[in-house]
Amino acid sequence: MHELGTVNYVIDEVEKLVEEHNLTVVASVTLQIGEVSGIVPEYIVDFWNWARKKTRYLQDTEMKVEKLEAVTYCENCGKTYETMKYAKICPYCKSEDTYLIQGNEYMIKEIEAM
């Protein structure tokens, strides 16, 4: 279960920014999570709600999660397509010479702070 590690990483990064920029309030953190990243968004929110209570600056901060769609590229025909719908086989040319170009990552998209 790597959601707890992800939450701890996000907390560390946001708290560093709070200190570096002398911020006083962090209203929300928006995290983009790729749909094939293996990270369960509901677990992220649950862990966030538990872990933020133990922080110095983020006790009242909301976690927002946005899904980042998985996209696969076909080396044979050069087109992209929805990974979740078609998996590894290109729907255009039926090639298996494909690779994931988006959707396996997670990133902090936005921090709403003052």
PDB file of N, CA and C in Angstrom:
ATOM      1  N   MET A   1       0.854  -1.177   0.000  1.00  0.00           N
ATOM      2  CA  MET A   1       0.000   0.000   0.000  1.00  0.00           C
ATOM      3  C   MET A   1       0.901   1.240   0.000  1.00  0.00           C
ATOM      4  N   HIS A   2       1.119   1.821  -1.174  1.00  0.00           N
ATOM      5  CA  HIS A   2       2.024   2.960  -1.287  1.00  0.00           C
ATOM      6  C   HIS A   2       1.309   4.303  -1.148  1.00  0.00           C
ATOM      7  N   GLU A   3       0.020   4.285  -0.879  1.00  0.00           N
ATOM      8  CA  GLU A   3      -0.709   5.543  -0.697  1.00  0.00           C
ATOM      9  C   GLU A   3      -0.203   6.315   0.523  1.00  0.00           C
ATOM     10  N   LEU A   4       0.122   5.608   1.600  1.00  0.00           N
ATOM     11  CA  LEU A   4       0.615   6.293   2.793  1.00  0.00           C
ATOM     12  C   LEU A   4       1.957   6.968   2.511  1.00  0.00           C
ATOM     13  N   GLY A   5       2.831   6.292   1.792  1.00  0.00           N
ATOM     14  CA  GLY A   5       4.103   6.896   1.409  1.00  0.00           C
ATOM     15  C   GLY A   5       3.902   8.105   0.515  1.00  0.00           C
ATOM     16  N   THR A   6       2.943   8.010  -0.389  1.00  0.00           N
ATOM     17  CA  THR A   6       2.628   9.136  -1.275  1.00  0.00           C
ATOM     18  C   THR A   6       2.147  10.328  -0.457  1.00  0.00           C
ATOM     19  N   VAL A   7       1.244  10.079   0.477  1.00  0.00           N
ATOM     20  CA  VAL A   7       0.730  11.161   1.325  1.00  0.00           C
ATOM     21  C   VAL A   7       1.860  11.785   2.142  1.00  0.00           C
ATOM     22  N   ASN A   8       2.719  10.965   2.702  1.00  0.00           N
ATOM     23  CA  ASN A   8       3.836  11.506   3.491  1.00  0.00           C
ATOM     24  C   ASN A   8       4.761  12.360   2.628  1.00  0.00           C
ATOM     25  N   TYR A   9       5.018  11.921   1.401  1.00  0.00           N
ATOM     26  CA  TYR A   9       5.844  12.709   0.474  1.00  0.00           C
ATOM     27  C   TYR A   9       5.181  14.062   0.181  1.00  0.00           C
ATOM     28  N   VAL A  10       3.884  14.057  -0.115  1.00  0.00           N
ATOM     29  CA  VAL A  10       3.170  15.298  -0.421  1.00  0.00           C
ATOM     30  C   VAL A  10       3.201  16.234   0.787  1.00  0.00           C
ATOM     31  N   ILE A  11       2.970  15.702   1.966  1.00  0.00           N
ATOM     32  CA  ILE A  11       3.012  16.527   3.184  1.00  0.00           C
ATOM     33  C   ILE A  11       4.393  17.159   3.334  1.00  0.00           C
ATOM     34  N   ASP A  12       5.451  16.377   3.175  1.00  0.00           N
ATOM     35  CA  ASP A  12       6.811  16.915   3.307  1.00  0.00           C
ATOM     36  C   ASP A  12       7.068  18.035   2.309  1.00  0.00           C
ATOM     37  N   GLU A  13       6.679  17.819   1.056  1.00  0.00           N
ATOM     38  CA  GLU A  13       6.917  18.822   0.010  1.00  0.00           C
ATOM     39  C   GLU A  13       6.127  20.105   0.268  1.00  0.00           C
ATOM     40  N   VAL A  14       4.874  19.967   0.659  1.00  0.00           N
ATOM     41  CA  VAL A  14       4.038  21.148   0.905  1.00  0.00           C
ATOM     42  C   VAL A  14       4.543  21.900   2.130  1.00  0.00           C
ATOM     43  N   GLU A  15       4.922  21.188   3.173  1.00  0.00           N
ATOM     44  CA  GLU A  15       5.434  21.867   4.364  1.00  0.00           C
ATOM     45  C   GLU A  15       6.739  22.611   4.071  1.00  0.00           C
ATOM     46  N   LYS A  16       7.591  22.061   3.200  1.00  0.00           N
ATOM     47  CA  LYS A  16       8.808  22.783   2.795  1.00  0.00           C
ATOM     48  C   LYS A  16       8.446  24.094   2.106  1.00  0.00           C
ATOM     49  N   LEU A  17       7.462  24.041   1.206  1.00  0.00           N
ATOM     50  CA  LEU A  17       7.028  25.258   0.510  1.00  0.00           C
ATOM     51  C   LEU A  17       6.435  26.277   1.468  1.00  0.00           C
ATOM     52  N   VAL A  18       5.669  25.809   2.441  1.00  0.00           N
ATOM     53  CA  VAL A  18       5.077  26.705   3.433  1.00  0.00           C
ATOM     54  C   VAL A  18       6.184  27.461   4.159  1.00  0.00           C
ATOM     55  N   GLU A  19       7.206  26.744   4.580  1.00  0.00           N
ATOM     56  CA  GLU A  19       8.300  27.383   5.314  1.00  0.00           C
ATOM     57  C   GLU A  19       9.135  28.298   4.417  1.00  0.00           C
ATOM     58  N   GLU A  20       9.424  27.857   3.194  1.00  0.00           N
ATOM     59  CA  GLU A  20      10.239  28.660   2.280  1.00  0.00           C
ATOM     60  C   GLU A  20       9.581  29.981   1.908  1.00  0.00           C
ATOM     61  N   HIS A  21       8.248  29.983   1.820  1.00  0.00           N
ATOM     62  CA  HIS A  21       7.531  31.171   1.357  1.00  0.00           C
ATOM     63  C   HIS A  21       6.763  31.874   2.478  1.00  0.00           C
ATOM     64  N   ASN A  22       7.025  31.488   3.714  1.00  0.00           N
ATOM     65  CA  ASN A  22       6.382  32.107   4.881  1.00  0.00           C
ATOM     66  C   ASN A  22       4.859  32.164   4.747  1.00  0.00           C
ATOM     67  N   LEU A  23       4.263  31.072   4.325  1.00  0.00           N
ATOM     68  CA  LEU A  23       2.813  31.004   4.179  1.00  0.00           C
ATOM     69  C   LEU A  23       2.178  30.743   5.529  1.00  0.00           C
ATOM     70  N   THR A  24       0.930  31.152   5.663  1.00  0.00           N
ATOM     71  CA  THR A  24       0.243  30.950   6.941  1.00  0.00           C
ATOM     72  C   THR A  24      -0.924  29.973   6.834  1.00  0.00           C
ATOM     73  N   VAL A  25      -1.545  29.904   5.660  1.00  0.00           N
ATOM     74  CA  VAL A  25      -2.710  29.041   5.485  1.00  0.00           C
ATOM     75  C   VAL A  25      -2.575  28.261   4.178  1.00  0.00           C
ATOM     76  N   VAL A  26      -2.821  26.953   4.245  1.00  0.00           N
ATOM     77  CA  VAL A  26      -2.919  26.121   3.047  1.00  0.00           C
ATOM     78  C   VAL A  26      -4.338  25.571   3.036  1.00  0.00           C
ATOM     79  N   ALA A  27      -5.143  26.078   2.105  1.00  0.00           N
ATOM     80  CA  ALA A  27      -6.552  25.677   2.052  1.00  0.00           C
ATOM     81  C   ALA A  27      -6.726  24.302   1.416  1.00  0.00           C
ATOM     82  N   SER A  28      -5.956  24.048   0.345  1.00  0.00           N
ATOM     83  CA  SER A  28      -6.105  22.754  -0.330  1.00  0.00           C
ATOM     84  C   SER A  28      -4.844  22.383  -1.098  1.00  0.00           C
ATOM     85  N   VAL A  29      -4.724  21.094  -1.343  1.00  0.00           N
ATOM     86  CA  VAL A  29      -3.677  20.541  -2.193  1.00  0.00           C
ATOM     87  C   VAL A  29      -4.383  19.686  -3.233  1.00  0.00           C
ATOM     88  N   THR A  30      -4.076  19.921  -4.509  1.00  0.00           N
ATOM     89  CA  THR A  30      -4.671  19.127  -5.585  1.00  0.00           C
ATOM     90  C   THR A  30      -3.609  18.185  -6.120  1.00  0.00           C
ATOM     91  N   LEU A  31      -3.938  16.902  -6.110  1.00  0.00           N
ATOM     92  CA  LEU A  31      -3.035  15.868  -6.584  1.00  0.00           C
ATOM     93  C   LEU A  31      -3.634  15.223  -7.821  1.00  0.00           C
ATOM     94  N   GLN A  32      -2.843  15.135  -8.895  1.00  0.00           N
ATOM     95  CA  GLN A  32      -3.270  14.404 -10.091  1.00  0.00           C
ATOM     96  C   GLN A  32      -2.712  12.990  -9.984  1.00  0.00           C
ATOM     97  N   ILE A  33      -3.584  12.011 -10.215  1.00  0.00           N
ATOM     98  CA  ILE A  33      -3.187  10.612 -10.100  1.00  0.00           C
ATOM     99  C   ILE A  33      -3.542   9.897 -11.391  1.00  0.00           C
ATOM    100  N   GLY A  34      -2.544   9.273 -12.009  1.00  0.00           N
ATOM    101  CA  GLY A  34      -2.763   8.517 -13.230  1.00  0.00           C
ATOM    102  C   GLY A  34      -3.641   7.309 -12.976  1.00  0.00           C
ATOM    103  N   GLU A  35      -4.540   7.033 -13.915  1.00  0.00           N
ATOM    104  CA  GLU A  35      -5.506   5.965 -13.686  1.00  0.00           C
ATOM    105  C   GLU A  35      -4.906   4.565 -13.724  1.00  0.00           C
ATOM    106  N   VAL A  36      -3.658   4.413 -14.182  1.00  0.00           N
ATOM    107  CA  VAL A  36      -2.997   3.113 -14.116  1.00  0.00           C
ATOM    108  C   VAL A  36      -1.755   3.173 -13.213  1.00  0.00           C
ATOM    109  N   SER A  37      -1.731   4.127 -12.298  1.00  0.00           N
ATOM    110  CA  SER A  37      -0.591   4.301 -11.397  1.00  0.00           C
ATOM    111  C   SER A  37      -0.582   3.282 -10.273  1.00  0.00           C
ATOM    112  N   GLY A  38      -1.702   2.655 -10.024  1.00  0.00           N
ATOM    113  CA  GLY A  38      -1.801   1.734  -8.904  1.00  0.00           C
ATOM    114  C   GLY A  38      -2.146   2.430  -7.599  1.00  0.00           C
ATOM    115  N   ILE A  39      -2.297   3.729  -7.637  1.00  0.00           N
ATOM    116  CA  ILE A  39      -2.662   4.502  -6.446  1.00  0.00           C
ATOM    117  C   ILE A  39      -4.181   4.631  -6.402  1.00  0.00           C
ATOM    118  N   VAL A  40      -4.764   4.313  -5.260  1.00  0.00           N
ATOM    119  CA  VAL A  40      -6.217   4.368  -5.091  1.00  0.00           C
ATOM    120  C   VAL A  40      -6.582   5.743  -4.518  1.00  0.00           C
ATOM    121  N   PRO A  41      -7.275   6.574  -5.304  1.00  0.00           N
ATOM    122  CA  PRO A  41      -7.593   7.930  -4.850  1.00  0.00           C
ATOM    123  C   PRO A  41      -8.326   7.985  -3.502  1.00  0.00           C
ATOM    124  N   GLU A  42      -9.240   7.073  -3.276  1.00  0.00           N
ATOM    125  CA  GLU A  42      -9.988   7.073  -2.014  1.00  0.00           C
ATOM    126  C   GLU A  42      -9.053   6.846  -0.828  1.00  0.00           C
ATOM    127  N   TYR A  43      -8.037   5.993  -1.014  1.00  0.00           N
ATOM    128  CA  TYR A  43      -7.065   5.749   0.059  1.00  0.00           C
ATOM    129  C   TYR A  43      -6.213   6.987   0.304  1.00  0.00           C
ATOM    130  N   ILE A  44      -5.863   7.692  -0.776  1.00  0.00           N
ATOM    131  CA  ILE A  44      -5.084   8.923  -0.627  1.00  0.00           C
ATOM    132  C   ILE A  44      -5.837   9.907   0.262  1.00  0.00           C
ATOM    133  N   VAL A  45      -7.112  10.100  -0.023  1.00  0.00           N
ATOM    134  CA  VAL A  45      -7.922  11.045   0.761  1.00  0.00           C
ATOM    135  C   VAL A  45      -8.042  10.573   2.209  1.00  0.00           C
ATOM    136  N   ASP A  46      -8.292   9.279   2.404  1.00  0.00           N
ATOM    137  CA  ASP A  46      -8.402   8.746   3.770  1.00  0.00           C
ATOM    138  C   ASP A  46      -7.103   8.930   4.545  1.00  0.00           C
ATOM    139  N   PHE A  47      -5.967   8.574   3.937  1.00  0.00           N
ATOM    140  CA  PHE A  47      -4.677   8.744   4.599  1.00  0.00           C
ATOM    141  C   PHE A  47      -4.376  10.211   4.845  1.00  0.00           C
ATOM    142  N   TRP A  48      -4.714  11.060   3.885  1.00  0.00           N
ATOM    143  CA  TRP A  48      -4.507  12.502   4.054  1.00  0.00           C
ATOM    144  C   TRP A  48      -5.270  13.003   5.279  1.00  0.00           C
ATOM    145  N   ASN A  49      -6.530  12.634   5.364  1.00  0.00           N
ATOM    146  CA  ASN A  49      -7.355  13.101   6.485  1.00  0.00           C
ATOM    147  C   ASN A  49      -6.815  12.619   7.826  1.00  0.00           C
ATOM    148  N   TRP A  50      -6.167  11.475   7.842  1.00  0.00           N
ATOM    149  CA  TRP A  50      -5.549  10.970   9.064  1.00  0.00           C
ATOM    150  C   TRP A  50      -4.216  11.680   9.324  1.00  0.00           C
ATOM    151  N   ALA A  51      -3.366  11.762   8.317  1.00  0.00           N
ATOM    152  CA  ALA A  51      -2.005  12.274   8.493  1.00  0.00           C
ATOM    153  C   ALA A  51      -1.944  13.779   8.701  1.00  0.00           C
ATOM    154  N   ARG A  52      -2.843  14.523   8.084  1.00  0.00           N
ATOM    155  CA  ARG A  52      -2.766  15.994   8.191  1.00  0.00           C
ATOM    156  C   ARG A  52      -2.945  16.468   9.620  1.00  0.00           C
ATOM    157  N   LYS A  53      -3.650  15.705  10.436  1.00  0.00           N
ATOM    158  CA  LYS A  53      -3.882  16.085  11.835  1.00  0.00           C
ATOM    159  C   LYS A  53      -2.588  16.074  12.643  1.00  0.00           C
ATOM    160  N   LYS A  54      -1.568  15.385  12.130  1.00  0.00           N
ATOM    161  CA  LYS A  54      -0.295  15.275  12.828  1.00  0.00           C
ATOM    162  C   LYS A  54       0.747  16.268  12.300  1.00  0.00           C
ATOM    163  N   THR A  55       0.329  17.165  11.392  1.00  0.00           N
ATOM    164  CA  THR A  55       1.265  18.090  10.783  1.00  0.00           C
ATOM    165  C   THR A  55       1.268  19.430  11.505  1.00  0.00           C
ATOM    166  N   ARG A  56       2.258  20.211  11.157  1.00  0.00           N
ATOM    167  CA  ARG A  56       2.378  21.543  11.755  1.00  0.00           C
ATOM    168  C   ARG A  56       1.496  22.572  11.049  1.00  0.00           C
ATOM    169  N   TYR A  57       1.395  22.483   9.698  1.00  0.00           N
ATOM    170  CA  TYR A  57       0.726  23.521   8.925  1.00  0.00           C
ATOM    171  C   TYR A  57      -0.543  23.072   8.195  1.00  0.00           C
ATOM    172  N   LEU A  58      -0.788  21.795   8.081  1.00  0.00           N
ATOM    173  CA  LEU A  58      -1.819  21.305   7.160  1.00  0.00           C
ATOM    174  C   LEU A  58      -3.029  20.689   7.845  1.00  0.00           C
ATOM    175  N   GLN A  59      -3.240  20.990   9.085  1.00  0.00           N
ATOM    176  CA  GLN A  59      -4.311  20.341   9.840  1.00  0.00           C
ATOM    177  C   GLN A  59      -5.704  20.573   9.262  1.00  0.00           C
ATOM    178  N   ASP A  60      -5.923  21.710   8.636  1.00  0.00           N
ATOM    179  CA  ASP A  60      -7.244  22.014   8.063  1.00  0.00           C
ATOM    180  C   ASP A  60      -7.232  21.996   6.531  1.00  0.00           C
ATOM    181  N   THR A  61      -6.196  21.436   5.945  1.00  0.00           N
ATOM    182  CA  THR A  61      -6.035  21.454   4.492  1.00  0.00           C
ATOM    183  C   THR A  61      -6.801  20.313   3.838  1.00  0.00           C
ATOM    184  N   GLU A  62      -7.535  20.647   2.785  1.00  0.00           N
ATOM    185  CA  GLU A  62      -8.303  19.657   2.029  1.00  0.00           C
ATOM    186  C   GLU A  62      -7.435  19.047   0.928  1.00  0.00           C
ATOM    187  N   MET A  63      -7.586  17.746   0.724  1.00  0.00           N
ATOM    188  CA  MET A  63      -6.925  17.063  -0.393  1.00  0.00           C
ATOM    189  C   MET A  63      -7.939  16.916  -1.514  1.00  0.00           C
ATOM    190  N   LYS A  64      -7.571  17.415  -2.693  1.00  0.00           N
ATOM    191  CA  LYS A  64      -8.393  17.241  -3.889  1.00  0.00           C
ATOM    192  C   LYS A  64      -7.634  16.311  -4.830  1.00  0.00           C
ATOM    193  N   VAL A  65      -8.362  15.408  -5.477  1.00  0.00           N
ATOM    194  CA  VAL A  65      -7.732  14.443  -6.372  1.00  0.00           C
ATOM    195  C   VAL A  65      -8.372  14.550  -7.748  1.00  0.00           C
ATOM    196  N   GLU A  66      -7.510  14.635  -8.769  1.00  0.00           N
ATOM    197  CA  GLU A  66      -7.962  14.632 -10.155  1.00  0.00           C
ATOM    198  C   GLU A  66      -7.385  13.409 -10.852  1.00  0.00           C
ATOM    199  N   LYS A  67      -8.212  12.741 -11.650  1.00  0.00           N
ATOM    200  CA  LYS A  67      -7.746  11.576 -12.395  1.00  0.00           C
ATOM    201  C   LYS A  67      -7.027  12.038 -13.653  1.00  0.00           C
ATOM    202  N   LEU A  68      -5.869  11.442 -13.894  1.00  0.00           N
ATOM    203  CA  LEU A  68      -5.101  11.697 -15.107  1.00  0.00           C
ATOM    204  C   LEU A  68      -5.272  10.470 -15.998  1.00  0.00           C
ATOM    205  N   GLU A  69      -5.944  10.646 -17.121  1.00  0.00           N
ATOM    206  CA  GLU A  69      -6.263   9.513 -17.982  1.00  0.00           C
ATOM    207  C   GLU A  69      -5.008   8.880 -18.573  1.00  0.00           C
ATOM    208  N   ALA A  70      -5.060   7.562 -18.696  1.00  0.00           N
ATOM    209  CA  ALA A  70      -3.951   6.812 -19.284  1.00  0.00           C
ATOM    210  C   ALA A  70      -4.063   6.871 -20.805  1.00  0.00           C
ATOM    211  N   VAL A  71      -2.927   7.156 -21.454  1.00  0.00           N
ATOM    212  CA  VAL A  71      -2.863   7.258 -22.919  1.00  0.00           C
ATOM    213  C   VAL A  71      -1.704   6.384 -23.395  1.00  0.00           C
ATOM    214  N   THR A  72      -1.969   5.622 -24.438  1.00  0.00           N
ATOM    215  CA  THR A  72      -0.961   4.743 -25.021  1.00  0.00           C
ATOM    216  C   THR A  72      -0.652   5.199 -26.444  1.00  0.00           C
ATOM    217  N   TYR A  73       0.619   5.057 -26.820  1.00  0.00           N
ATOM    218  CA  TYR A  73       1.085   5.429 -28.153  1.00  0.00           C
ATOM    219  C   TYR A  73       1.397   4.162 -28.945  1.00  0.00           C
ATOM    220  N   CYS A  74       0.988   4.134 -30.209  1.00  0.00           N
ATOM    221  CA  CYS A  74       1.270   3.013 -31.102  1.00  0.00           C
ATOM    222  C   CYS A  74       2.461   3.369 -31.996  1.00  0.00           C
ATOM    223  N   GLU A  75       3.510   2.573 -31.905  1.00  0.00           N
ATOM    224  CA  GLU A  75       4.698   2.811 -32.735  1.00  0.00           C
ATOM    225  C   GLU A  75       4.454   2.463 -34.196  1.00  0.00           C
ATOM    226  N   ASN A  76       3.486   1.630 -34.451  1.00  0.00           N
ATOM    227  CA  ASN A  76       3.215   1.191 -35.821  1.00  0.00           C
ATOM    228  C   ASN A  76       2.504   2.275 -36.638  1.00  0.00           C
ATOM    229  N   CYS A  77       1.415   2.815 -36.094  1.00  0.00           N
ATOM    230  CA  CYS A  77       0.644   3.800 -36.859  1.00  0.00           C
ATOM    231  C   CYS A  77       0.818   5.232 -36.352  1.00  0.00           C
ATOM    232  N   GLY A  78       1.452   5.398 -35.194  1.00  0.00           N
ATOM    233  CA  GLY A  78       1.728   6.731 -34.680  1.00  0.00           C
ATOM    234  C   GLY A  78       0.563   7.416 -33.996  1.00  0.00           C
ATOM    235  N   LYS A  79      -0.489   6.682 -33.709  1.00  0.00           N
ATOM    236  CA  LYS A  79      -1.656   7.280 -33.048  1.00  0.00           C
ATOM    237  C   LYS A  79      -1.637   6.981 -31.559  1.00  0.00           C
ATOM    238  N   THR A  80      -2.399   7.797 -30.818  1.00  0.00           N
ATOM    239  CA  THR A  80      -2.590   7.556 -29.394  1.00  0.00           C
ATOM    240  C   THR A  80      -4.025   7.112 -29.157  1.00  0.00           C
ATOM    241  N   TYR A  81      -4.224   6.438 -28.019  1.00  0.00           N
ATOM    242  CA  TYR A  81      -5.568   5.955 -27.705  1.00  0.00           C
ATOM    243  C   TYR A  81      -5.720   5.764 -26.198  1.00  0.00           C
ATOM    244  N   GLU A  82      -6.964   5.569 -25.767  1.00  0.00           N
ATOM    245  CA  GLU A  82      -7.286   5.375 -24.355  1.00  0.00           C
ATOM    246  C   GLU A  82      -6.801   3.998 -23.892  1.00  0.00           C
ATOM    247  N   THR A  83      -5.886   4.002 -22.950  1.00  0.00           N
ATOM    248  CA  THR A  83      -5.318   2.753 -22.449  1.00  0.00           C
ATOM    249  C   THR A  83      -6.358   1.879 -21.766  1.00  0.00           C
ATOM    250  N   MET A  84      -7.187   2.477 -20.941  1.00  0.00           N
ATOM    251  CA  MET A  84      -8.161   1.700 -20.170  1.00  0.00           C
ATOM    252  C   MET A  84      -9.184   1.013 -21.076  1.00  0.00           C
ATOM    253  N   LYS A  85      -9.461   1.601 -22.191  1.00  0.00           N
ATOM    254  CA  LYS A  85     -10.474   1.044 -23.091  1.00  0.00           C
ATOM    255  C   LYS A  85      -9.900  -0.051 -23.990  1.00  0.00           C
ATOM    256  N   TYR A  86      -8.654   0.113 -24.439  1.00  0.00           N
ATOM    257  CA  TYR A  86      -8.095  -0.798 -25.439  1.00  0.00           C
ATOM    258  C   TYR A  86      -6.878  -1.590 -24.970  1.00  0.00           C
ATOM    259  N   ALA A  87      -6.345  -1.275 -23.804  1.00  0.00           N
ATOM    260  CA  ALA A  87      -5.167  -1.957 -23.245  1.00  0.00           C
ATOM    261  C   ALA A  87      -3.958  -1.818 -24.173  1.00  0.00           C
ATOM    262  N   LYS A  88      -3.276  -2.924 -24.458  1.00  0.00           N
ATOM    263  CA  LYS A  88      -2.016  -2.871 -25.197  1.00  0.00           C
ATOM    264  C   LYS A  88      -2.197  -2.931 -26.718  1.00  0.00           C
ATOM    265  N   ILE A  89      -3.336  -3.358 -27.192  1.00  0.00           N
ATOM    266  CA  ILE A  89      -3.538  -3.518 -28.636  1.00  0.00           C
ATOM    267  C   ILE A  89      -4.170  -2.261 -29.231  1.00  0.00           C
ATOM    268  N   CYS A  90      -3.494  -1.683 -30.221  1.00  0.00           N
ATOM    269  CA  CYS A  90      -3.953  -0.451 -30.867  1.00  0.00           C
ATOM    270  C   CYS A  90      -5.313  -0.683 -31.544  1.00  0.00           C
ATOM    271  N   PRO A  91      -6.298   0.165 -31.261  1.00  0.00           N
ATOM    272  CA  PRO A  91      -7.607  -0.009 -31.887  1.00  0.00           C
ATOM    273  C   PRO A  91      -7.627   0.384 -33.373  1.00  0.00           C
ATOM    274  N   TYR A  92      -6.598   1.086 -33.817  1.00  0.00           N
ATOM    275  CA  TYR A  92      -6.556   1.555 -35.204  1.00  0.00           C
ATOM    276  C   TYR A  92      -5.908   0.540 -36.149  1.00  0.00           C
ATOM    277  N   CYS A  93      -4.764  -0.023 -35.728  1.00  0.00           N
ATOM    278  CA  CYS A  93      -4.042  -0.928 -36.637  1.00  0.00           C
ATOM    279  C   CYS A  93      -3.840  -2.330 -36.061  1.00  0.00           C
ATOM    280  N   LYS A  94      -4.315  -2.538 -34.824  1.00  0.00           N
ATOM    281  CA  LYS A  94      -4.229  -3.838 -34.138  1.00  0.00           C
ATOM    282  C   LYS A  94      -2.797  -4.249 -33.766  1.00  0.00           C
ATOM    283  N   SER A  95      -1.874  -3.332 -33.794  1.00  0.00           N
ATOM    284  CA  SER A  95      -0.487  -3.612 -33.424  1.00  0.00           C
ATOM    285  C   SER A  95      -0.356  -3.744 -31.907  1.00  0.00           C
ATOM    286  N   GLU A  96       0.621  -4.531 -31.484  1.00  0.00           N
ATOM    287  CA  GLU A  96       0.963  -4.637 -30.064  1.00  0.00           C
ATOM    288  C   GLU A  96       2.240  -3.860 -29.752  1.00  0.00           C
ATOM    289  N   ASP A  97       2.771  -3.145 -30.730  1.00  0.00           N
ATOM    290  CA  ASP A  97       3.967  -2.320 -30.527  1.00  0.00           C
ATOM    291  C   ASP A  97       3.552  -0.963 -29.979  1.00  0.00           C
ATOM    292  N   THR A  98       3.142  -0.976 -28.726  1.00  0.00           N
ATOM    293  CA  THR A  98       2.603   0.215 -28.085  1.00  0.00           C
ATOM    294  C   THR A  98       3.297   0.437 -26.745  1.00  0.00           C
ATOM    295  N   TYR A  99       3.195   1.665 -26.258  1.00  0.00           N
ATOM    296  CA  TYR A  99       3.697   1.935 -24.913  1.00  0.00           C
ATOM    297  C   TYR A  99       2.917   3.091 -24.287  1.00  0.00           C
ATOM    298  N   LEU A 100       2.872   3.051 -22.977  1.00  0.00           N
ATOM    299  CA  LEU A 100       2.151   4.047 -22.181  1.00  0.00           C
ATOM    300  C   LEU A 100       2.908   5.365 -22.195  1.00  0.00           C
ATOM    301  N   ILE A 101       2.206   6.456 -22.503  1.00  0.00           N
ATOM    302  CA  ILE A 101       2.865   7.770 -22.470  1.00  0.00           C
ATOM    303  C   ILE A 101       2.330   8.662 -21.350  1.00  0.00           C
ATOM    304  N   GLN A 102       1.198   8.294 -20.772  1.00  0.00           N
ATOM    305  CA  GLN A 102       0.609   9.091 -19.690  1.00  0.00           C
ATOM    306  C   GLN A 102      -0.326   8.216 -18.883  1.00  0.00           C
ATOM    307  N   GLY A 103      -0.359   8.457 -17.569  1.00  0.00           N
ATOM    308  CA  GLY A 103      -1.343   7.782 -16.734  1.00  0.00           C
ATOM    309  C   GLY A 103      -0.768   6.902 -15.652  1.00  0.00           C
ATOM    310  N   ASN A 104       0.577   6.816 -15.597  1.00  0.00           N
ATOM    311  CA  ASN A 104       1.212   5.999 -14.571  1.00  0.00           C
ATOM    312  C   ASN A 104       1.832   6.856 -13.463  1.00  0.00           C
ATOM    313  N   GLU A 105       1.669   8.150 -13.558  1.00  0.00           N
ATOM    314  CA  GLU A 105       2.329   9.059 -12.642  1.00  0.00           C
ATOM    315  C   GLU A 105       1.353   9.679 -11.641  1.00  0.00           C
ATOM    316  N   TYR A 106       1.936  10.379 -10.681  1.00  0.00           N
ATOM    317  CA  TYR A 106       1.148  11.256  -9.825  1.00  0.00           C
ATOM    318  C   TYR A 106       1.964  12.519  -9.620  1.00  0.00           C
ATOM    319  N   MET A 107       1.261  13.636  -9.421  1.00  0.00           N
ATOM    320  CA  MET A 107       1.976  14.901  -9.220  1.00  0.00           C
ATOM    321  C   MET A 107       1.112  15.873  -8.447  1.00  0.00           C
ATOM    322  N   ILE A 108       1.800  16.739  -7.729  1.00  0.00           N
ATOM    323  CA  ILE A 108       1.102  17.834  -7.061  1.00  0.00           C
ATOM    324  C   ILE A 108       0.786  18.865  -8.142  1.00  0.00           C
ATOM    325  N   LYS A 109      -0.485  19.090  -8.390  1.00  0.00           N
ATOM    326  CA  LYS A 109      -0.889  20.016  -9.442  1.00  0.00           C
ATOM    327  C   LYS A 109      -0.995  21.443  -8.910  1.00  0.00           C
ATOM    328  N   GLU A 110      -1.568  21.559  -7.708  1.00  0.00           N
ATOM    329  CA  GLU A 110      -1.855  22.908  -7.211  1.00  0.00           C
ATOM    330  C   GLU A 110      -1.869  22.919  -5.692  1.00  0.00           C
ATOM    331  N   ILE A 111      -1.382  24.010  -5.145  1.00  0.00           N
ATOM    332  CA  ILE A 111      -1.459  24.252  -3.713  1.00  0.00           C
ATOM    333  C   ILE A 111      -2.132  25.602  -3.539  1.00  0.00           C
ATOM    334  N   GLU A 112      -3.270  25.605  -2.892  1.00  0.00           N
ATOM    335  CA  GLU A 112      -3.989  26.848  -2.633  1.00  0.00           C
ATOM    336  C   GLU A 112      -3.568  27.345  -1.260  1.00  0.00           C
ATOM    337  N   ALA A 113      -2.796  28.439  -1.244  1.00  0.00           N
ATOM    338  CA  ALA A 113      -2.215  28.910   0.018  1.00  0.00           C
ATOM    339  C   ALA A 113      -2.162  30.430   0.066  1.00  0.00           C
ATOM    340  N   MET A 114      -1.955  30.933   1.302  1.00  0.00           N
ATOM    341  CA  MET A 114      -1.786  32.371   1.519  1.00  0.00           C
ATOM    342  C   MET A 114      -0.641  32.587   2.503  1.00  0.00           C
TER     343      MET A 114
END
